[in-house]
Amino acid sequence: MPKKPVLRSCTSCREKKEKKDLLRIVRLPSGDVEIDTTGKKPGRGAYICATEKCINQAKKTKRLDASLKCEVPEAVYTEAMRYCTNEQ
């Protein structure tokens, strides 16, 4: 029996996508916020589409701040833009 894909919702657009197609932003137990490329770092995580549109919308509406229950530094958004795909 084939495995079901693991679905997660984008914090910004609320679309359900496969976990591997989304970026995971994590608030570590130390309080630092960073991008989790492995998907296995401990802490509170939030998923976001790797598109410029979703990243900018999440920044503008502070949805990642709400999901992670802390203020997300500008550097995290800048780093997330490096992972962007060309799809809209």
C-alpha atoms as a PDB file:
ATOM      1  CA  MET A   1       0.000   0.000   0.000  1.00  0.00           C
ATOM      2  CA  PRO A   2       1.558   3.351  -1.029  1.00  0.00           C
ATOM      3  CA  LYS A   3       2.231   5.985   1.622  1.00  0.00           C
ATOM      4  CA  LYS A   4      -0.061   9.008   1.751  1.00  0.00           C
ATOM      5  CA  PRO A   5       1.688  12.341   1.159  1.00  0.00           C
ATOM      6  CA  VAL A   6       2.229  14.463   4.273  1.00  0.00           C
ATOM      7  CA  LEU A   7       0.189  17.661   3.869  1.00  0.00           C
ATOM      8  CA  ARG A   8       0.758  20.964   5.642  1.00  0.00           C
ATOM      9  CA  SER A   9      -0.977  24.344   5.308  1.00  0.00           C
ATOM     10  CA  CYS A  10       0.896  27.444   4.206  1.00  0.00           C
ATOM     11  CA  THR A  11       0.723  30.038   6.988  1.00  0.00           C
ATOM     12  CA  SER A  12       0.275  32.791   4.420  1.00  0.00           C
ATOM     13  CA  CYS A  13      -2.155  31.559   1.731  1.00  0.00           C
ATOM     14  CA  ARG A  14      -3.657  28.681   3.792  1.00  0.00           C
ATOM     15  CA  GLU A  15      -3.266  26.290   0.830  1.00  0.00           C
ATOM     16  CA  LYS A  16      -2.571  22.640   1.676  1.00  0.00           C
ATOM     17  CA  LYS A  17       0.553  21.312  -0.010  1.00  0.00           C
ATOM     18  CA  GLU A  18       2.979  18.450   0.462  1.00  0.00           C
ATOM     19  CA  LYS A  19       5.411  19.042   3.299  1.00  0.00           C
ATOM     20  CA  LYS A  20       8.398  18.771   0.951  1.00  0.00           C
ATOM     21  CA  ASP A  21       7.074  21.650  -1.192  1.00  0.00           C
ATOM     22  CA  LEU A  22       6.986  24.129   1.706  1.00  0.00           C
ATOM     23  CA  LEU A  23       9.614  25.976   3.747  1.00  0.00           C
ATOM     24  CA  ARG A  24       9.601  25.304   7.485  1.00  0.00           C
ATOM     25  CA  ILE A  25      10.356  28.233   9.747  1.00  0.00           C
ATOM     26  CA  VAL A  26      11.078  27.185  13.328  1.00  0.00           C
ATOM     27  CA  ARG A  27      11.290  28.963  16.674  1.00  0.00           C
ATOM     28  CA  LEU A  28      13.949  27.031  18.543  1.00  0.00           C
ATOM     29  CA  PRO A  29      13.706  26.400  22.294  1.00  0.00           C
ATOM     30  CA  SER A  30      16.391  29.101  22.693  1.00  0.00           C
ATOM     31  CA  GLY A  31      13.968  31.618  21.151  1.00  0.00           C
ATOM     32  CA  ASP A  32      15.902  32.025  17.885  1.00  0.00           C
ATOM     33  CA  VAL A  33      13.930  31.851  14.627  1.00  0.00           C
ATOM     34  CA  GLU A  34      15.436  30.228  11.542  1.00  0.00           C
ATOM     35  CA  ILE A  35      14.665  28.266   8.402  1.00  0.00           C
ATOM     36  CA  ASP A  36      14.662  24.510   8.956  1.00  0.00           C
ATOM     37  CA  THR A  37      15.931  22.848   5.786  1.00  0.00           C
ATOM     38  CA  THR A  38      15.931  19.380   7.394  1.00  0.00           C
ATOM     39  CA  GLY A  39      12.367  19.587   8.735  1.00  0.00           C
ATOM     40  CA  LYS A  40      13.534  17.947  11.962  1.00  0.00           C
ATOM     41  CA  LYS A  41      14.750  20.766  14.194  1.00  0.00           C
ATOM     42  CA  PRO A  42      13.092  20.924  17.604  1.00  0.00           C
ATOM     43  CA  GLY A  43      10.750  23.781  18.370  1.00  0.00           C
ATOM     44  CA  ARG A  44       7.553  25.380  17.151  1.00  0.00           C
ATOM     45  CA  GLY A  45       7.317  25.240  13.364  1.00  0.00           C
ATOM     46  CA  ALA A  46       5.298  27.003  10.700  1.00  0.00           C
ATOM     47  CA  TYR A  47       5.158  26.234   6.996  1.00  0.00           C
ATOM     48  CA  ILE A  48       5.132  28.711   4.114  1.00  0.00           C
ATOM     49  CA  CYS A  49       5.144  28.396   0.318  1.00  0.00           C
ATOM     50  CA  ALA A  50       8.535  29.091  -1.213  1.00  0.00           C
ATOM     51  CA  THR A  51       7.125  31.912  -3.352  1.00  0.00           C
ATOM     52  CA  GLU A  52       7.868  35.610  -3.210  1.00  0.00           C
ATOM     53  CA  LYS A  53       4.128  36.331  -3.023  1.00  0.00           C
ATOM     54  CA  CYS A  54       3.529  34.204   0.101  1.00  0.00           C
ATOM     55  CA  ILE A  55       6.685  35.359   1.871  1.00  0.00           C
ATOM     56  CA  ASN A  56       5.850  39.036   1.300  1.00  0.00           C
ATOM     57  CA  GLN A  57       2.223  38.501   2.362  1.00  0.00           C
ATOM     58  CA  ALA A  58       3.297  36.686   5.553  1.00  0.00           C
ATOM     59  CA  LYS A  59       5.695  39.528   6.352  1.00  0.00           C
ATOM     60  CA  LYS A  60       3.072  42.219   5.701  1.00  0.00           C
ATOM     61  CA  THR A  61       0.300  40.547   7.710  1.00  0.00           C
ATOM     62  CA  LYS A  62       2.670  39.164  10.404  1.00  0.00           C
ATOM     63  CA  ARG A  63       1.157  35.690  10.060  1.00  0.00           C
ATOM     64  CA  LEU A  64       4.455  33.962  10.807  1.00  0.00           C
ATOM     65  CA  ASP A  65       4.766  36.055  13.972  1.00  0.00           C
ATOM     66  CA  ALA A  66       1.338  34.811  15.063  1.00  0.00           C
ATOM     67  CA  SER A  67       2.055  31.170  14.172  1.00  0.00           C
ATOM     68  CA  LEU A  68       5.391  31.122  15.961  1.00  0.00           C
ATOM     69  CA  LYS A  69       4.147  33.309  18.839  1.00  0.00           C
ATOM     70  CA  CYS A  70       7.161  35.631  18.554  1.00  0.00           C
ATOM     71  CA  GLU A  71       8.536  38.372  16.309  1.00  0.00           C
ATOM     72  CA  VAL A  72      10.227  36.982  13.194  1.00  0.00           C
ATOM     73  CA  PRO A  73      13.447  38.891  12.352  1.00  0.00           C
ATOM     74  CA  GLU A  74      13.864  40.562   8.944  1.00  0.00           C
ATOM     75  CA  ALA A  75      16.881  38.291   8.260  1.00  0.00           C
ATOM     76  CA  VAL A  76      14.594  35.221   8.210  1.00  0.00           C
ATOM     77  CA  TYR A  77      12.410  36.730   5.472  1.00  0.00           C
ATOM     78  CA  THR A  78      15.530  37.716   3.499  1.00  0.00           C
ATOM     79  CA  GLU A  79      16.907  34.180   3.782  1.00  0.00           C
ATOM     80  CA  ALA A  80      13.522  32.692   2.824  1.00  0.00           C
ATOM     81  CA  MET A  81      13.601  34.695  -0.416  1.00  0.00           C
ATOM     82  CA  ARG A  82      16.732  32.731  -1.419  1.00  0.00           C
ATOM     83  CA  TYR A  83      14.648  29.533  -1.410  1.00  0.00           C
ATOM     84  CA  CYS A  84      11.946  31.032  -3.656  1.00  0.00           C
ATOM     85  CA  THR A  85      10.748  29.179  -6.711  1.00  0.00           C
ATOM     86  CA  ASN A  86       9.611  31.003  -9.834  1.00  0.00           C
ATOM     87  CA  GLU A  87       6.002  29.814  -9.601  1.00  0.00           C
ATOM     88  CA  GLN A  88       3.324  32.247  -8.453  1.00  0.00           C
END
